[in-house]
Amino acid sequence: MSIFKTKLKTFESSITGTKTSYNVNTAFWLYLEEDFGIKQGDLSNLYETENNLTTAKVVVCILKANKFETTLEEVLENTNEIELAQFIIDFQTALYDVDDNQTKEAKNKSEGKSDQ
């Protein structure tokens, strides 16, 4: 039984073949370091040199943080680059609580456009 009474953000994905709701928690950092020796500060460098493999490792760790038993090999054998990237995008969107309006506003602002 958990001592925490807070509700975590969630996102949905069909990466396993079944639409499932996943908690957005930070336990995946523990798995990332424990299973793959990757520390949080090293992640951006690894994305530059081994993008797809690093993405798959993060997916494995997010799944493990949600109590799914899986391996890197299983994830790589059963997904493609687009599915892996979409899973990470969905996770990050929920994590940072980004919605389409915020994304559109930020893009317009960076391009010097207004919403009108």
Foldseek 3Di string as FASTA:
>chain_A
DDPDPDDFFWFWACLVVDIDIFGQDDQLQVVCCVVPVDHPVCLVVCCVVPVQLSLLSSVCSSCVVRVDDDDSVVSVVRGDSVRSVVVVVRSVCRVVVPDPVNVVCVVCVVVVHDPD
